[in-house]
Amino acid sequence: MKATAAPIGADLLETGEAANLLGKLRERIQTIIIGKDDVVERVVTCLVAKGHVMISDVPGVGKTTLAQSLARSIEGVFQRIQFTNDMLPSDVLGVSIYDPSTREFKFRPGPLFGNIVLADEINRTTPKTQSALLEAMSEGHVTVDDTTHPLPMPFMVLATLNPIEFAGTFMLPESQMDRFLLRVAVGYPDEASERRILSEIDPARRVGNLNPALTLLQLRGIQSAADKVLVESPIVDYILALTRRTRDHPQIHLGVSPRGALALRAAVRALALVRGRDHVLPDDVKELVGPTFAHRLVLASSASHRSQDFALAQAILDEILSEVPVPI
């Protein structure tokens, strides 16, 4: 019997069982999220890499359904937090309540205590409440009244941003943006996919009937396997060159930090595993540079001095990709 996560992860990688399980997971979610296979792959990649994902898109394209489908597919606990400008940190983390029968304070967990947490319109809450998420997203636990409470594992935040409505919103600080491993956009479905959506049963009912593709224990083993995916020296040098180029580009005021470089390494390892490989390719790096780096950049332009201008950030990263030699 395997007693620890490490040997489970090693076995899953060596036997190819991790890729098999992840394929089933993607297929299960794709029965609900129709015509967005690339988005599903990115979110699963983020989950495998033990990261958090930011989804910036208009309402009604399936962000909530995606989070619910992911949670049910891994037998996880789904929680949704609808952020508003009057929300307090205790509304997210939980509170300590006095119990007269025991004459002690008991901690009542907030909605952050789940495996898959949908932070809906995270930029509608104040910086004080946003900052309450930093410890949770970085360390996997929260501190309330000087007591540390571990979060369920695995733990993943899917945060949504509305890219067209800015009234009553607060810009996320760079430290908060840096906690998201990837940023993805769902977008509208193509005509054929939308026709299928209109022709099938309501997605909410189908999510309720979704059977798990793997267990939380299997997922933890897969996450351990991702840490063992080979990243050869030329790939490390490639990631380093791309990272350092963001720091001296004339259109970038603040480039990618070492944490961002580590995030890219974790993301490409997970992507390789999702695609059935035990090693990273240069194409994995090229594909995930934008989703990993764009939201971390602070641009030099006075019109877009924050990392919110993702289109311009992506264009700059495309330029950097064309300049930095690709390892053979």
C-alpha atoms as a PDB file:
ATOM      1  CA  MET A   1       0.000   0.000   0.000  1.00  0.00           C
ATOM      2  CA  LYS A   2       1.273   3.450  -0.921  1.00  0.00           C
ATOM      3  CA  ALA A   3       1.362   5.601   2.184  1.00  0.00           C
ATOM      4  CA  THR A   4       2.575   8.965   0.940  1.00  0.00           C
ATOM      5  CA  ALA A   5       1.726  11.313  -1.908  1.00  0.00           C
ATOM      6  CA  ALA A   6       5.225  11.230  -3.424  1.00  0.00           C
ATOM      7  CA  PRO A   7       5.316   7.550  -4.442  1.00  0.00           C
ATOM      8  CA  ILE A   8       1.728   7.804  -5.657  1.00  0.00           C
ATOM      9  CA  GLY A   9       2.756  10.728  -7.868  1.00  0.00           C
ATOM     10  CA  ALA A  10       5.831   8.891  -9.151  1.00  0.00           C
ATOM     11  CA  ASP A  11       3.794   5.795 -10.017  1.00  0.00           C
ATOM     12  CA  LEU A  12       1.138   7.858 -11.779  1.00  0.00           C
ATOM     13  CA  LEU A  13       3.798   9.540 -13.909  1.00  0.00           C
ATOM     14  CA  GLU A  14       5.744   6.393 -14.778  1.00  0.00           C
ATOM     15  CA  THR A  15       2.708   4.283 -15.670  1.00  0.00           C
ATOM     16  CA  GLY A  16       0.945   7.027 -17.636  1.00  0.00           C
ATOM     17  CA  GLU A  17      -2.076   6.735 -15.364  1.00  0.00           C
ATOM     18  CA  ALA A  18      -1.960  10.470 -14.588  1.00  0.00           C
ATOM     19  CA  ALA A  19      -2.507  11.374 -18.244  1.00  0.00           C
ATOM     20  CA  ASN A  20      -5.296   8.804 -18.470  1.00  0.00           C
ATOM     21  CA  LEU A  21      -7.114  10.216 -15.447  1.00  0.00           C
ATOM     22  CA  LEU A  22      -6.651  13.791 -16.643  1.00  0.00           C
ATOM     23  CA  GLY A  23      -8.045  12.846 -20.039  1.00  0.00           C
ATOM     24  CA  LYS A  24     -11.161  11.498 -18.340  1.00  0.00           C
ATOM     25  CA  LEU A  25     -11.415  14.669 -16.262  1.00  0.00           C
ATOM     26  CA  ARG A  26     -11.255  16.902 -19.321  1.00  0.00           C
ATOM     27  CA  GLU A  27     -13.799  14.785 -21.195  1.00  0.00           C
ATOM     28  CA  ARG A  28     -16.189  14.896 -18.241  1.00  0.00           C
ATOM     29  CA  ILE A  29     -16.049  18.695 -18.017  1.00  0.00           C
ATOM     30  CA  GLN A  30     -16.305  19.055 -21.804  1.00  0.00           C
ATOM     31  CA  THR A  31     -19.706  17.352 -21.718  1.00  0.00           C
ATOM     32  CA  ILE A  32     -20.912  20.461 -19.873  1.00  0.00           C
ATOM     33  CA  ILE A  33     -18.636  23.214 -21.241  1.00  0.00           C
ATOM     34  CA  ILE A  34     -19.258  22.782 -24.953  1.00  0.00           C
ATOM     35  CA  GLY A  35     -16.893  24.063 -27.632  1.00  0.00           C
ATOM     36  CA  LYS A  36     -14.289  25.382 -25.180  1.00  0.00           C
ATOM     37  CA  ASP A  37     -11.814  22.522 -25.008  1.00  0.00           C
ATOM     38  CA  ASP A  38      -8.832  24.890 -24.824  1.00  0.00           C
ATOM     39  CA  VAL A  39     -10.335  26.722 -21.831  1.00  0.00           C
ATOM     40  CA  VAL A  40     -11.032  23.439 -20.056  1.00  0.00           C
ATOM     41  CA  GLU A  41      -7.444  22.332 -20.682  1.00  0.00           C
ATOM     42  CA  ARG A  42      -6.057  25.570 -19.229  1.00  0.00           C
ATOM     43  CA  VAL A  43      -8.187  25.317 -16.088  1.00  0.00           C
ATOM     44  CA  VAL A  44      -7.275  21.656 -15.567  1.00  0.00           C
ATOM     45  CA  THR A  45      -3.620  22.585 -16.106  1.00  0.00           C
ATOM     46  CA  CYS A  46      -3.904  25.231 -13.411  1.00  0.00           C
ATOM     47  CA  LEU A  47      -5.508  22.733 -11.031  1.00  0.00           C
ATOM     48  CA  VAL A  48      -2.722  20.196 -11.632  1.00  0.00           C
ATOM     49  CA  ALA A  49      -0.124  22.918 -11.002  1.00  0.00           C
ATOM     50  CA  LYS A  50      -1.782  23.757  -7.639  1.00  0.00           C
ATOM     51  CA  GLY A  51      -2.469  27.280  -8.873  1.00  0.00           C
ATOM     52  CA  HIS A  52      -5.359  29.707  -9.099  1.00  0.00           C
ATOM     53  CA  VAL A  53      -6.959  31.035 -12.262  1.00  0.00           C
ATOM     54  CA  MET A  54      -8.371  34.414 -13.226  1.00  0.00           C
ATOM     55  CA  ILE A  55     -11.188  34.448 -15.777  1.00  0.00           C
ATOM     56  CA  SER A  56     -11.791  37.834 -17.361  1.00  0.00           C
ATOM     57  CA  ASP A  57     -14.920  37.761 -19.495  1.00  0.00           C
ATOM     58  CA  VAL A  58     -18.446  39.053 -19.985  1.00  0.00           C
ATOM     59  CA  PRO A  59     -21.344  37.555 -17.995  1.00  0.00           C
ATOM     60  CA  GLY A  60     -23.185  34.502 -19.270  1.00  0.00           C
ATOM     61  CA  VAL A  61     -20.410  32.542 -20.986  1.00  0.00           C
ATOM     62  CA  GLY A  62     -20.267  29.695 -18.463  1.00  0.00           C
ATOM     63  CA  LYS A  63     -17.714  30.709 -15.831  1.00  0.00           C
ATOM     64  CA  THR A  64     -19.830  29.531 -12.892  1.00  0.00           C
ATOM     65  CA  THR A  65     -20.804  26.331 -14.699  1.00  0.00           C
ATOM     66  CA  LEU A  66     -17.142  25.650 -15.415  1.00  0.00           C
ATOM     67  CA  ALA A  67     -16.226  25.957 -11.727  1.00  0.00           C
ATOM     68  CA  GLN A  68     -19.145  23.779 -10.645  1.00  0.00           C
ATOM     69  CA  SER A  69     -18.311  21.127 -13.245  1.00  0.00           C
ATOM     70  CA  LEU A  70     -14.686  21.052 -12.145  1.00  0.00           C
ATOM     71  CA  ALA A  71     -15.652  20.600  -8.490  1.00  0.00           C
ATOM     72  CA  ARG A  72     -18.093  17.765  -9.185  1.00  0.00           C
ATOM     73  CA  SER A  73     -15.621  16.030 -11.504  1.00  0.00           C
ATOM     74  CA  ILE A  74     -13.066  15.687  -8.692  1.00  0.00           C
ATOM     75  CA  GLU A  75     -15.538  14.947  -5.852  1.00  0.00           C
ATOM     76  CA  GLY A  76     -14.648  18.331  -4.397  1.00  0.00           C
ATOM     77  CA  VAL A  77     -16.557  20.887  -2.344  1.00  0.00           C
ATOM     78  CA  PHE A  78     -17.706  23.866  -4.430  1.00  0.00           C
ATOM     79  CA  GLN A  79     -18.118  27.301  -2.850  1.00  0.00           C
ATOM     80  CA  ARG A  80     -19.185  30.548  -4.488  1.00  0.00           C
ATOM     81  CA  ILE A  81     -18.473  34.004  -3.098  1.00  0.00           C
ATOM     82  CA  GLN A  82     -20.318  36.889  -4.742  1.00  0.00           C
ATOM     83  CA  PHE A  83     -18.100  39.859  -3.933  1.00  0.00           C
ATOM     84  CA  THR A  84     -19.635  43.254  -3.183  1.00  0.00           C
ATOM     85  CA  ASN A  85     -18.174  46.551  -2.017  1.00  0.00           C
ATOM     86  CA  ASP A  86     -19.588  46.165   1.524  1.00  0.00           C
ATOM     87  CA  MET A  87     -18.108  42.703   2.107  1.00  0.00           C
ATOM     88  CA  LEU A  88     -15.766  42.278   5.066  1.00  0.00           C
ATOM     89  CA  PRO A  89     -12.811  39.873   5.388  1.00  0.00           C
ATOM     90  CA  SER A  90     -14.790  37.879   7.986  1.00  0.00           C
ATOM     91  CA  ASP A  91     -17.517  37.291   5.372  1.00  0.00           C
ATOM     92  CA  VAL A  92     -14.929  35.378   3.363  1.00  0.00           C
ATOM     93  CA  LEU A  93     -12.649  33.797   5.966  1.00  0.00           C
ATOM     94  CA  GLY A  94     -15.104  33.036   8.759  1.00  0.00           C
ATOM     95  CA  VAL A  95     -15.549  34.220  12.347  1.00  0.00           C
ATOM     96  CA  SER A  96     -14.987  33.051  15.904  1.00  0.00           C
ATOM     97  CA  ILE A  97     -18.277  32.798  17.812  1.00  0.00           C
ATOM     98  CA  TYR A  98     -18.606  32.482  21.581  1.00  0.00           C
ATOM     99  CA  ASP A  99     -20.269  29.277  22.749  1.00  0.00           C
ATOM    100  CA  PRO A 100     -21.881  29.822  26.191  1.00  0.00           C
ATOM    101  CA  SER A 101     -22.105  26.077  26.848  1.00  0.00           C
ATOM    102  CA  THR A 102     -18.350  25.582  26.636  1.00  0.00           C
ATOM    103  CA  ARG A 103     -17.350  29.180  27.433  1.00  0.00           C
ATOM    104  CA  GLU A 104     -15.017  29.070  24.468  1.00  0.00           C
ATOM    105  CA  PHE A 105     -14.853  30.687  21.075  1.00  0.00           C
ATOM    106  CA  LYS A 106     -15.462  28.331  18.162  1.00  0.00           C
ATOM    107  CA  PHE A 107     -14.372  29.073  14.634  1.00  0.00           C
ATOM    108  CA  ARG A 108     -17.117  29.042  12.021  1.00  0.00           C
ATOM    109  CA  PRO A 109     -15.478  28.664   8.584  1.00  0.00           C
ATOM    110  CA  GLY A 110     -16.454  31.064   5.825  1.00  0.00           C
ATOM    111  CA  PRO A 111     -17.183  30.240   2.193  1.00  0.00           C
ATOM    112  CA  LEU A 112     -13.473  30.214   1.383  1.00  0.00           C
ATOM    113  CA  PHE A 113     -13.291  26.713   2.870  1.00  0.00           C
ATOM    114  CA  GLY A 114     -13.842  24.621  -0.242  1.00  0.00           C
ATOM    115  CA  ASN A 115     -11.831  22.729  -2.808  1.00  0.00           C
ATOM    116  CA  ILE A 116     -12.992  24.837  -5.753  1.00  0.00           C
ATOM    117  CA  VAL A 117     -13.910  28.408  -4.784  1.00  0.00           C
ATOM    118  CA  LEU A 118     -15.519  30.747  -7.300  1.00  0.00           C
ATOM    119  CA  ALA A 119     -14.591  34.329  -6.358  1.00  0.00           C
ATOM    120  CA  ASP A 120     -17.200  36.056  -8.503  1.00  0.00           C
ATOM    121  CA  GLU A 121     -16.361  39.627  -9.562  1.00  0.00           C
ATOM    122  CA  ILE A 122     -13.467  39.791  -7.142  1.00  0.00           C
ATOM    123  CA  ASN A 123     -12.701  43.391  -8.148  1.00  0.00           C
ATOM    124  CA  ARG A 124     -16.034  44.594  -6.707  1.00  0.00           C
ATOM    125  CA  THR A 125     -14.802  44.248  -3.140  1.00  0.00           C
ATOM    126  CA  THR A 126     -12.458  46.566  -1.270  1.00  0.00           C
ATOM    127  CA  PRO A 127      -8.673  46.110  -1.149  1.00  0.00           C
ATOM    128  CA  LYS A 128      -8.990  45.142   2.533  1.00  0.00           C
ATOM    129  CA  THR A 129     -11.177  42.164   1.679  1.00  0.00           C
ATOM    130  CA  GLN A 130      -9.110  41.321  -1.398  1.00  0.00           C
ATOM    131  CA  SER A 131      -6.016  41.171   0.795  1.00  0.00           C
ATOM    132  CA  ALA A 132      -7.714  38.591   3.011  1.00  0.00           C
ATOM    133  CA  LEU A 133      -7.325  36.154   0.132  1.00  0.00           C
ATOM    134  CA  LEU A 134      -3.543  36.571  -0.136  1.00  0.00           C
ATOM    135  CA  GLU A 135      -2.630  34.242   2.718  1.00  0.00           C
ATOM    136  CA  ALA A 136      -5.147  31.645   1.576  1.00  0.00           C
ATOM    137  CA  MET A 137      -3.959  31.648  -2.043  1.00  0.00           C
ATOM    138  CA  SER A 138      -0.272  31.625  -1.114  1.00  0.00           C
ATOM    139  CA  GLU A 139      -0.116  29.412   1.954  1.00  0.00           C
ATOM    140  CA  GLY A 140      -3.238  27.248   1.878  1.00  0.00           C
ATOM    141  CA  HIS A 141      -4.465  28.461   5.255  1.00  0.00           C
ATOM    142  CA  VAL A 142      -6.079  31.492   6.885  1.00  0.00           C
ATOM    143  CA  THR A 143      -5.420  33.220  10.198  1.00  0.00           C
ATOM    144  CA  VAL A 144      -8.348  34.460  12.289  1.00  0.00           C
ATOM    145  CA  ASP A 145      -7.870  35.833  15.824  1.00  0.00           C
ATOM    146  CA  ASP A 146      -4.223  34.720  15.816  1.00  0.00           C
ATOM    147  CA  THR A 147      -5.240  31.124  15.066  1.00  0.00           C
ATOM    148  CA  THR A 148      -4.244  29.451  11.813  1.00  0.00           C
ATOM    149  CA  HIS A 149      -6.835  27.285  10.080  1.00  0.00           C
ATOM    150  CA  PRO A 150      -5.782  25.008   7.191  1.00  0.00           C
ATOM    151  CA  LEU A 151      -7.902  25.051   4.050  1.00  0.00           C
ATOM    152  CA  PRO A 152      -9.122  21.859   2.363  1.00  0.00           C
ATOM    153  CA  MET A 153      -6.640  20.362  -0.064  1.00  0.00           C
ATOM    154  CA  PRO A 154      -6.593  20.615  -2.975  1.00  0.00           C
ATOM    155  CA  PHE A 155      -7.637  24.257  -2.934  1.00  0.00           C
ATOM    156  CA  MET A 156      -8.176  26.389  -6.021  1.00  0.00           C
ATOM    157  CA  VAL A 157      -9.656  29.856  -6.525  1.00  0.00           C
ATOM    158  CA  LEU A 158     -11.334  30.731  -9.818  1.00  0.00           C
ATOM    159  CA  ALA A 159     -11.765  34.502  -9.770  1.00  0.00           C
ATOM    160  CA  THR A 160     -13.876  36.330 -12.330  1.00  0.00           C
ATOM    161  CA  LEU A 161     -13.504  39.881 -13.614  1.00  0.00           C
ATOM    162  CA  ASN A 162     -15.958  41.750 -15.800  1.00  0.00           C
ATOM    163  CA  PRO A 163     -13.811  43.470 -18.469  1.00  0.00           C
ATOM    164  CA  ILE A 164     -16.451  45.995 -19.532  1.00  0.00           C
ATOM    165  CA  GLU A 165     -18.025  47.259 -16.276  1.00  0.00           C
ATOM    166  CA  PHE A 166     -15.740  49.315 -14.057  1.00  0.00           C
ATOM    167  CA  ALA A 167     -18.219  51.394 -12.011  1.00  0.00           C
ATOM    168  CA  GLY A 168     -17.978  50.418  -8.362  1.00  0.00           C
ATOM    169  CA  THR A 169     -14.883  48.275  -8.819  1.00  0.00           C
ATOM    170  CA  PHE A 170     -11.434  48.337  -7.235  1.00  0.00           C
ATOM    171  CA  MET A 171      -8.256  47.526  -9.150  1.00  0.00           C
ATOM    172  CA  LEU A 172      -6.473  44.436  -7.882  1.00  0.00           C
ATOM    173  CA  PRO A 173      -3.009  45.219  -6.465  1.00  0.00           C
ATOM    174  CA  GLU A 174       0.031  43.650  -8.120  1.00  0.00           C
ATOM    175  CA  SER A 175       0.529  41.350  -5.124  1.00  0.00           C
ATOM    176  CA  GLN A 176      -2.968  39.946  -5.645  1.00  0.00           C
ATOM    177  CA  MET A 177      -2.554  39.575  -9.408  1.00  0.00           C
ATOM    178  CA  ASP A 178       0.711  37.738  -8.841  1.00  0.00           C
ATOM    179  CA  ARG A 179      -1.104  35.012  -6.889  1.00  0.00           C
ATOM    180  CA  PHE A 180      -2.978  33.862  -9.976  1.00  0.00           C
ATOM    181  CA  LEU A 181      -1.082  31.237 -11.932  1.00  0.00           C
ATOM    182  CA  LEU A 182      -2.988  31.749 -15.199  1.00  0.00           C
ATOM    183  CA  ARG A 183      -5.417  34.178 -16.743  1.00  0.00           C
ATOM    184  CA  VAL A 184      -7.874  32.795 -19.281  1.00  0.00           C
ATOM    185  CA  ALA A 185     -10.784  34.143 -21.298  1.00  0.00           C
ATOM    186  CA  VAL A 186     -13.796  31.976 -22.128  1.00  0.00           C
ATOM    187  CA  GLY A 187     -15.327  33.990 -24.972  1.00  0.00           C
ATOM    188  CA  TYR A 188     -18.513  33.334 -26.912  1.00  0.00           C
ATOM    189  CA  PRO A 189     -19.002  29.836 -28.371  1.00  0.00           C
ATOM    190  CA  ASP A 190     -18.936  29.264 -32.117  1.00  0.00           C
ATOM    191  CA  GLU A 191     -22.263  28.865 -33.922  1.00  0.00           C
ATOM    192  CA  ALA A 192     -22.254  25.056 -33.941  1.00  0.00           C
ATOM    193  CA  SER A 193     -21.437  24.862 -30.236  1.00  0.00           C
ATOM    194  CA  GLU A 194     -24.074  27.449 -29.349  1.00  0.00           C
ATOM    195  CA  ARG A 195     -26.685  25.537 -31.351  1.00  0.00           C
ATOM    196  CA  ARG A 196     -25.800  22.406 -29.382  1.00  0.00           C
ATOM    197  CA  ILE A 197     -26.070  24.342 -26.113  1.00  0.00           C
ATOM    198  CA  LEU A 198     -29.548  25.525 -27.094  1.00  0.00           C
ATOM    199  CA  SER A 199     -30.603  22.019 -28.095  1.00  0.00           C
ATOM    200  CA  GLU A 200     -29.506  20.179 -24.967  1.00  0.00           C
ATOM    201  CA  ILE A 201     -30.770  20.002 -21.395  1.00  0.00           C
ATOM    202  CA  ASP A 202     -30.208  22.990 -19.143  1.00  0.00           C
ATOM    203  CA  PRO A 203     -26.508  23.018 -18.063  1.00  0.00           C
ATOM    204  CA  ALA A 204     -27.412  23.392 -14.377  1.00  0.00           C
ATOM    205  CA  ARG A 205     -29.329  20.094 -14.464  1.00  0.00           C
ATOM    206  CA  ARG A 206     -26.513  18.357 -16.317  1.00  0.00           C
ATOM    207  CA  VAL A 207     -23.944  19.594 -13.784  1.00  0.00           C
ATOM    208  CA  GLY A 208     -26.082  18.125 -11.000  1.00  0.00           C
ATOM    209  CA  ASN A 209     -25.956  14.722 -12.708  1.00  0.00           C
ATOM    210  CA  LEU A 210     -22.207  14.822 -13.375  1.00  0.00           C
ATOM    211  CA  ASN A 211     -20.246  11.845 -12.055  1.00  0.00           C
ATOM    212  CA  PRO A 212     -16.685  12.318 -10.745  1.00  0.00           C
ATOM    213  CA  ALA A 213     -13.816  11.421 -13.056  1.00  0.00           C
ATOM    214  CA  LEU A 214     -11.323  11.070 -10.209  1.00  0.00           C
ATOM    215  CA  THR A 215     -11.092  11.416  -6.452  1.00  0.00           C
ATOM    216  CA  LEU A 216      -9.364  14.085  -4.389  1.00  0.00           C
ATOM    217  CA  LEU A 217      -6.749  11.511  -3.385  1.00  0.00           C
ATOM    218  CA  GLN A 218      -6.014  10.734  -7.028  1.00  0.00           C
ATOM    219  CA  LEU A 219      -5.808  14.451  -7.783  1.00  0.00           C
ATOM    220  CA  ARG A 220      -3.246  14.971  -5.029  1.00  0.00           C
ATOM    221  CA  GLY A 221      -1.211  12.144  -6.539  1.00  0.00           C
ATOM    222  CA  ILE A 222      -1.431  13.766  -9.969  1.00  0.00           C
ATOM    223  CA  GLN A 223      -0.301  17.093  -8.518  1.00  0.00           C
ATOM    224  CA  SER A 224       2.665  15.305  -6.991  1.00  0.00           C
ATOM    225  CA  ALA A 225       3.404  13.688 -10.367  1.00  0.00           C
ATOM    226  CA  ALA A 226       3.474  17.126 -12.034  1.00  0.00           C
ATOM    227  CA  ASP A 227       6.352  18.139  -9.755  1.00  0.00           C
ATOM    228  CA  LYS A 228       8.390  15.290 -11.261  1.00  0.00           C
ATOM    229  CA  VAL A 229       7.909  16.253 -14.913  1.00  0.00           C
ATOM    230  CA  LEU A 230      11.354  16.879 -16.425  1.00  0.00           C
ATOM    231  CA  VAL A 231      12.376  20.463 -17.177  1.00  0.00           C
ATOM    232  CA  GLU A 232      15.758  20.256 -18.900  1.00  0.00           C
ATOM    233  CA  SER A 233      18.412  22.963 -18.623  1.00  0.00           C
ATOM    234  CA  PRO A 234      17.709  24.530 -22.059  1.00  0.00           C
ATOM    235  CA  ILE A 235      14.039  24.953 -21.058  1.00  0.00           C
ATOM    236  CA  VAL A 236      15.066  26.563 -17.762  1.00  0.00           C
ATOM    237  CA  ASP A 237      17.367  28.924 -19.675  1.00  0.00           C
ATOM    238  CA  TYR A 238      14.504  29.749 -22.058  1.00  0.00           C
ATOM    239  CA  ILE A 239      12.158  30.604 -19.183  1.00  0.00           C
ATOM    240  CA  LEU A 240      14.907  32.691 -17.582  1.00  0.00           C
ATOM    241  CA  ALA A 241      15.613  34.604 -20.808  1.00  0.00           C
ATOM    242  CA  LEU A 242      11.921  35.406 -21.315  1.00  0.00           C
ATOM    243  CA  THR A 243      11.553  36.505 -17.703  1.00  0.00           C
ATOM    244  CA  ARG A 244      14.584  38.790 -17.734  1.00  0.00           C
ATOM    245  CA  ARG A 245      13.569  40.326 -21.071  1.00  0.00           C
ATOM    246  CA  THR A 246      10.345  41.582 -19.463  1.00  0.00           C
ATOM    247  CA  ARG A 247      12.459  43.549 -16.997  1.00  0.00           C
ATOM    248  CA  ASP A 248      14.339  45.621 -19.568  1.00  0.00           C
ATOM    249  CA  HIS A 249      11.656  46.073 -22.240  1.00  0.00           C
ATOM    250  CA  PRO A 250      11.001  49.799 -22.849  1.00  0.00           C
ATOM    251  CA  GLN A 251       7.213  49.381 -22.702  1.00  0.00           C
ATOM    252  CA  ILE A 252       7.246  47.529 -19.391  1.00  0.00           C
ATOM    253  CA  HIS A 253       7.570  49.461 -16.145  1.00  0.00           C
ATOM    254  CA  LEU A 254       7.688  46.399 -13.887  1.00  0.00           C
ATOM    255  CA  GLY A 255       8.621  43.001 -15.280  1.00  0.00           C
ATOM    256  CA  VAL A 256       7.979  39.465 -14.096  1.00  0.00           C
ATOM    257  CA  SER A 257       9.290  38.497 -10.649  1.00  0.00           C
ATOM    258  CA  PRO A 258      11.008  35.222  -9.719  1.00  0.00           C
ATOM    259  CA  ARG A 259       7.608  34.078  -8.446  1.00  0.00           C
ATOM    260  CA  GLY A 260       6.257  34.594 -11.950  1.00  0.00           C
ATOM    261  CA  ALA A 261       9.099  32.549 -13.439  1.00  0.00           C
ATOM    262  CA  LEU A 262       8.393  29.736 -10.979  1.00  0.00           C
ATOM    263  CA  ALA A 263       4.716  29.966 -11.923  1.00  0.00           C
ATOM    264  CA  LEU A 264       5.582  29.466 -15.599  1.00  0.00           C
ATOM    265  CA  ARG A 265       7.733  26.449 -14.751  1.00  0.00           C
ATOM    266  CA  ALA A 266       4.894  24.923 -12.715  1.00  0.00           C
ATOM    267  CA  ALA A 267       2.369  25.650 -15.461  1.00  0.00           C
ATOM    268  CA  VAL A 268       4.388  24.068 -18.271  1.00  0.00           C
ATOM    269  CA  ARG A 269       5.067  20.997 -16.148  1.00  0.00           C
ATOM    270  CA  ALA A 270       1.347  20.587 -15.574  1.00  0.00           C
ATOM    271  CA  LEU A 271       0.550  21.170 -19.265  1.00  0.00           C
ATOM    272  CA  ALA A 272       3.050  18.507 -20.298  1.00  0.00           C
ATOM    273  CA  LEU A 273       1.433  16.044 -17.898  1.00  0.00           C
ATOM    274  CA  VAL A 274      -2.078  16.932 -19.105  1.00  0.00           C
ATOM    275  CA  ARG A 275      -0.905  16.154 -22.634  1.00  0.00           C
ATOM    276  CA  GLY A 276       0.603  12.832 -21.639  1.00  0.00           C
ATOM    277  CA  ARG A 277       4.302  13.702 -21.489  1.00  0.00           C
ATOM    278  CA  ASP A 278       6.901  13.358 -18.740  1.00  0.00           C
ATOM    279  CA  HIS A 279       8.992  16.265 -20.071  1.00  0.00           C
ATOM    280  CA  VAL A 280       8.450  19.884 -21.074  1.00  0.00           C
ATOM    281  CA  LEU A 281       8.807  21.124 -24.658  1.00  0.00           C
ATOM    282  CA  PRO A 282       9.680  24.670 -25.798  1.00  0.00           C
ATOM    283  CA  ASP A 283       6.200  24.894 -27.335  1.00  0.00           C
ATOM    284  CA  ASP A 284       4.686  24.433 -23.867  1.00  0.00           C
ATOM    285  CA  VAL A 285       6.577  27.510 -22.705  1.00  0.00           C
ATOM    286  CA  LYS A 286       5.606  29.556 -25.760  1.00  0.00           C
ATOM    287  CA  GLU A 287       1.941  28.628 -25.290  1.00  0.00           C
ATOM    288  CA  LEU A 288       1.738  29.584 -21.624  1.00  0.00           C
ATOM    289  CA  VAL A 289       3.932  32.696 -21.500  1.00  0.00           C
ATOM    290  CA  GLY A 290       0.937  34.932 -22.247  1.00  0.00           C
ATOM    291  CA  PRO A 291      -1.543  33.380 -19.787  1.00  0.00           C
ATOM    292  CA  THR A 292       1.142  33.288 -17.075  1.00  0.00           C
ATOM    293  CA  PHE A 293       2.938  36.614 -17.583  1.00  0.00           C
ATOM    294  CA  ALA A 294       0.440  39.098 -19.089  1.00  0.00           C
ATOM    295  CA  HIS A 295      -1.470  39.852 -15.883  1.00  0.00           C
ATOM    296  CA  ARG A 296       1.793  40.224 -13.952  1.00  0.00           C
ATOM    297  CA  LEU A 297       3.203  43.047 -16.073  1.00  0.00           C
ATOM    298  CA  VAL A 298       2.956  46.711 -15.147  1.00  0.00           C
ATOM    299  CA  LEU A 299       3.175  48.627 -18.406  1.00  0.00           C
ATOM    300  CA  ALA A 300       5.079  51.871 -18.865  1.00  0.00           C
ATOM    301  CA  SER A 301       2.388  53.596 -20.921  1.00  0.00           C
ATOM    302  CA  SER A 302       0.569  56.319 -19.031  1.00  0.00           C
ATOM    303  CA  ALA A 303      -2.680  55.121 -20.600  1.00  0.00           C
ATOM    304  CA  SER A 304      -2.179  51.577 -19.355  1.00  0.00           C
ATOM    305  CA  HIS A 305       0.285  51.718 -16.485  1.00  0.00           C
ATOM    306  CA  ARG A 306      -1.401  48.754 -14.832  1.00  0.00           C
ATOM    307  CA  SER A 307      -1.489  45.124 -15.859  1.00  0.00           C
ATOM    308  CA  GLN A 308      -5.203  45.395 -16.641  1.00  0.00           C
ATOM    309  CA  ASP A 309      -4.463  46.050 -20.337  1.00  0.00           C
ATOM    310  CA  PHE A 310      -4.003  42.411 -21.192  1.00  0.00           C
ATOM    311  CA  ALA A 311      -4.197  42.874 -24.949  1.00  0.00           C
ATOM    312  CA  LEU A 312      -1.214  45.225 -25.001  1.00  0.00           C
ATOM    313  CA  ALA A 313       0.673  43.041 -22.530  1.00  0.00           C
ATOM    314  CA  GLN A 314       0.088  40.004 -24.735  1.00  0.00           C
ATOM    315  CA  ALA A 315       1.319  41.920 -27.798  1.00  0.00           C
ATOM    316  CA  ILE A 316       4.526  42.842 -25.960  1.00  0.00           C
ATOM    317  CA  LEU A 317       5.019  39.221 -24.893  1.00  0.00           C
ATOM    318  CA  ASP A 318       4.531  38.084 -28.490  1.00  0.00           C
ATOM    319  CA  GLU A 319       7.281  40.489 -29.480  1.00  0.00           C
ATOM    320  CA  ILE A 320       9.563  39.112 -26.753  1.00  0.00           C
ATOM    321  CA  LEU A 321       8.837  35.561 -27.892  1.00  0.00           C
ATOM    322  CA  SER A 322       9.914  36.482 -31.410  1.00  0.00           C
ATOM    323  CA  GLU A 323      13.205  37.940 -30.121  1.00  0.00           C
ATOM    324  CA  VAL A 324      14.336  35.281 -27.644  1.00  0.00           C
ATOM    325  CA  PRO A 325      15.913  32.233 -29.333  1.00  0.00           C
ATOM    326  CA  VAL A 326      13.966  29.002 -28.899  1.00  0.00           C
ATOM    327  CA  PRO A 327      16.041  26.062 -27.606  1.00  0.00           C
ATOM    328  CA  ILE A 328      16.475  23.240 -30.103  1.00  0.00           C
END
